[in-house]
Amino acid sequence: MNLQYISDSKGQTTGVFIPINEWNDLKKKYKDIEQEDIDIPEWHKDLVRKRLDDYKKNPGSALNFDAAMDDLEKEL
């Protein structure tokens, strides 16, 4: 695949250019690639909202991801 990466003035990658023939090949291979609608169940949204509210009320209760992963790896 002949991708071209697009960068901003700071050198950060901000996008990718895919040649149209390769894009068309991807659309044939992955039928729903252009689908933007993602159906997230309402119960899932409610759960995420509750967890965000809990975090905002007590941000100190959250674990550091890297530290938690290190602890888990030590137990393996």
Protein backbone atom coordinates (compact mmCIF):
# COMPACT_ATOMS: atom_id res chain seq x y z
CA MET A 1 0.00 0.00 0.00
CA ASN A 2 1.38 3.37 -1.01
CA LEU A 3 0.35 5.63 1.87
CA GLN A 4 1.43 9.24 2.26
CA TYR A 5 1.46 10.71 5.74
CA ILE A 6 0.39 14.31 6.23
CA SER A 7 2.15 16.34 8.95
CA ASP A 8 1.58 19.73 10.51
CA SER A 9 4.20 22.46 10.90
CA LYS A 10 5.47 20.79 14.10
CA GLY A 11 6.06 17.46 12.38
CA GLN A 12 3.09 15.74 14.01
CA THR A 13 1.26 13.31 11.75
CA THR A 14 -2.25 14.64 11.20
CA GLY A 15 -3.57 12.45 8.41
CA VAL A 16 -3.00 9.79 5.81
CA PHE A 17 -3.51 9.94 2.06
CA ILE A 18 -4.59 6.68 0.43
CA PRO A 19 -4.53 6.54 -3.38
CA ILE A 20 -8.07 6.15 -4.76
CA ASN A 21 -7.42 2.76 -6.40
CA GLU A 22 -6.19 1.37 -3.07
CA TRP A 23 -9.16 2.93 -1.26
CA ASN A 24 -11.52 1.26 -3.73
CA ASP A 25 -9.78 -2.08 -3.12
CA LEU A 26 -10.23 -1.63 0.64
CA LYS A 27 -13.94 -0.83 0.16
CA LYS A 28 -14.39 -4.05 -1.79
CA LYS A 29 -12.59 -6.08 0.84
CA TYR A 30 -14.24 -4.44 3.88
CA LYS A 31 -17.85 -3.73 2.90
CA ASP A 32 -18.68 -1.46 5.87
CA ILE A 33 -15.43 0.54 5.91
CA GLU A 34 -17.26 3.81 5.22
CA GLN A 35 -19.90 3.22 7.86
CA GLU A 36 -19.65 5.94 10.50
CA ASP A 37 -22.62 4.96 12.61
CA ILE A 38 -21.62 2.90 15.57
CA ASP A 39 -24.57 1.67 17.52
CA ILE A 40 -23.61 1.90 21.18
CA PRO A 41 -26.30 0.54 23.50
CA GLU A 42 -27.82 3.08 25.87
CA TRP A 43 -26.91 0.93 28.91
CA HIS A 44 -23.26 1.15 27.88
CA LYS A 45 -23.40 4.94 27.57
CA ASP A 46 -25.08 5.13 31.00
CA LEU A 47 -22.35 2.98 32.53
CA VAL A 48 -19.59 5.16 31.06
CA ARG A 49 -21.36 8.34 32.28
CA LYS A 50 -21.63 6.88 35.79
CA ARG A 51 -17.96 5.92 35.84
CA LEU A 52 -16.96 9.41 34.65
CA ASP A 53 -19.12 11.00 37.35
CA ASP A 54 -17.56 8.72 39.98
CA TYR A 55 -14.09 9.66 38.78
CA LYS A 56 -14.87 13.39 38.83
CA LYS A 57 -16.12 13.07 42.41
CA ASN A 58 -12.98 11.22 43.52
CA PRO A 59 -10.12 11.38 40.99
CA GLY A 60 -7.69 10.05 43.58
CA SER A 61 -9.40 6.67 43.48
CA ALA A 62 -8.20 5.95 39.94
CA LEU A 63 -5.20 3.72 39.39
CA ASN A 64 -2.24 4.65 37.23
CA PHE A 65 -2.44 2.33 34.22
CA ASP A 66 1.32 1.72 33.92
CA ALA A 67 1.69 1.04 37.64
CA ALA A 68 -1.30 -1.31 37.61
CA MET A 69 0.14 -3.21 34.63
CA ASP A 70 3.52 -3.47 36.37
CA ASP A 71 1.81 -4.93 39.46
CA LEU A 72 -0.06 -7.46 37.33
CA GLU A 73 3.09 -8.53 35.51
CA LYS A 74 4.88 -9.10 38.80
CA GLU A 75 2.16 -11.57 39.79
CA LEU A 76 2.55 -13.64 36.62
